[in-house]
Structures are given as C-alpha cells and as structure tokens.
Amino acid sequence: MELRDEAYVGGADDCEELPNCPAPHAGFITKGDHNGEYDQVYRGIGGPMSGPIKSS
C-alpha cells in the first residue's frame, strides 16, 4: 500500500504500522488543525484514535 502523504502518518513506513490500516470501513481520512498527523493516526493526550469518517 502506498501512503498518501508521509508527512502526516506519524513515522509509519507501511500500512501494517497504522492501527486503522486497512480501514475497517470506507470513509474519509481527516486531518485536524491541532496536530501534525492524520486524525486516524493521532492519539492526542491519552485520547482514543479516530477511525475513517463514514459518509452519510
């Protein structure tokens, strides 16, 4: 698998290093403005990690 923007994947080299990869369902990958990683990679300060956002 090719990682789209390596600057936002938290240092992961491939899909196996990411908790939401492969994604559990189709959806959008988001990046908040509070962190330097995709929301699906960023855990925050002791917080849970987001999964892909389902479209409605």
Protein backbone atom coordinates (compact mmCIF):
# COMPACT_ATOMS: atom_id res chain seq x y z
CA MET A 1 0.00 0.00 0.00
CA GLU A 2 1.19 3.49 -0.79
CA LEU A 3 0.89 6.06 2.00
CA ARG A 4 -0.54 9.27 0.56
CA ASP A 5 1.28 12.00 2.49
CA GLU A 6 4.14 10.64 4.53
CA ALA A 7 4.39 13.91 6.50
CA TYR A 8 1.11 13.06 8.27
CA VAL A 9 1.43 9.33 9.09
CA GLY A 10 3.39 9.61 12.32
CA GLY A 11 6.55 7.99 11.02
CA ALA A 12 4.86 4.80 9.76
CA ASP A 13 6.65 3.13 6.86
CA ASP A 14 3.74 0.97 5.69
CA CYS A 15 0.13 0.02 6.32
CA GLU A 16 0.93 -2.62 8.92
CA GLU A 17 2.27 0.09 11.27
CA LEU A 18 -1.03 2.02 11.30
CA PRO A 19 -3.91 0.98 13.59
CA ASN A 20 -6.63 1.88 11.05
CA CYS A 21 -4.95 0.25 8.08
CA PRO A 22 -6.54 -1.41 6.34
CA ALA A 23 -9.53 0.77 7.20
CA PRO A 24 -12.40 -1.00 8.98
CA HIS A 25 -14.88 0.63 6.55
CA ALA A 26 -14.99 3.12 3.68
CA GLY A 27 -14.87 6.77 4.63
CA PHE A 28 -12.92 9.98 4.75
CA ILE A 29 -9.45 10.41 6.23
CA THR A 30 -9.25 13.70 8.11
CA LYS A 31 -6.54 15.93 9.48
CA GLY A 32 -7.36 18.39 12.22
CA ASP A 33 -5.57 21.67 12.63
CA HIS A 34 -4.46 20.86 16.19
CA ASN A 35 -1.94 18.16 15.32
CA GLY A 36 0.62 17.29 12.68
CA GLU A 37 -0.81 13.88 11.75
CA TYR A 38 -3.95 12.43 10.22
CA ASP A 39 -6.69 12.10 12.86
CA GLN A 40 -6.66 8.35 12.19
CA VAL A 41 -3.02 8.23 13.37
CA TYR A 42 -3.01 10.85 16.13
CA ARG A 43 -3.94 9.64 19.63
CA GLY A 44 -3.91 13.01 21.38
CA ILE A 45 -3.12 13.23 25.05
CA GLY A 46 -4.34 9.85 26.27
CA GLY A 47 -7.32 10.02 23.95
CA PRO A 48 -8.71 7.44 21.54
CA MET A 49 -7.80 7.38 17.87
CA SER A 50 -10.44 8.25 15.26
CA GLY A 51 -11.43 5.82 12.56
CA PRO A 52 -12.34 6.83 9.00
CA ILE A 53 -15.40 9.10 8.93
CA LYS A 54 -18.38 7.33 7.33
CA SER A 55 -20.22 9.24 4.64
CA SER A 56 -23.94 9.60 5.18
